[in-house]
Amino acid sequence: MLATRVLPLSRWSVRLALIVGFALFTGLAAQVRIPLPFTPVPITLQVLAVILSGLLLGPREGFLSQLTYLALILGGAPLAAGGAGGPGVFVGPTAGYLVGFPVAAAVVGWLTGDGRRGRSLAAALLGVVVIYLSGASWLAAVLGLTPAEAFRLGVAPFIPVDLAKAVVAVLVAHSGLALLAALGWPRPPTGRA
């Protein structure tokens, strides 16, 4: 509650700041981009940001942070990979990954439960699977690929690096929850009763 004494913010304004902050963090993570010559899908740090938003903010605010990210891109903000922005981003071959971000963040937040590392890691990995399903499906549709080709181009090359991102996200999240608690953010609610 230290932050609320220094900056008297309502719980609503803290939530809004975190939602927008994670949207911008995802945009910043998109700028760390490594193109691969055999696929239109680059390696970025977006998956790390998406998983962290679910782990730290919970299902609702995690979802809203990623939805805000997509809305900013749609509005023209250069927050997609390579500094792209505008409606055209959502018709390109990587649009399916972006559209999967809000759902992945919600799934991660919902499944994290009590925040134990093992459970958080399982939730993070399932979030990655959600992103892969959405992204590879769109990639196949746009490029006219078979499911096997879409997996080969849009999933397989990314598995090792995304596993590493999931582990890093879980480790960072456990430290980040303590920081958020100091700001007056309670343990994010999960979708589980």
Foldseek 3Di string as FASTA:
>chain_A
DQQCVVPVDDPVVVLVCLLQVLLVVLLVQLQQWDDDPPAPDTDTLNLLSLLLLLLQAAQPSSLSSLVVNLVCQCVFQLRHHPRHGHPVVCLDLQNQLSVLSSVLSNQLRQQCPPLDLVSSLVSSVVSVVSSLVRNLVSNCVNVVHDSVVSCVHPPVVCVVVSNVSSNVSSVVSVVVNVVVVSNVDHRHDHPDD
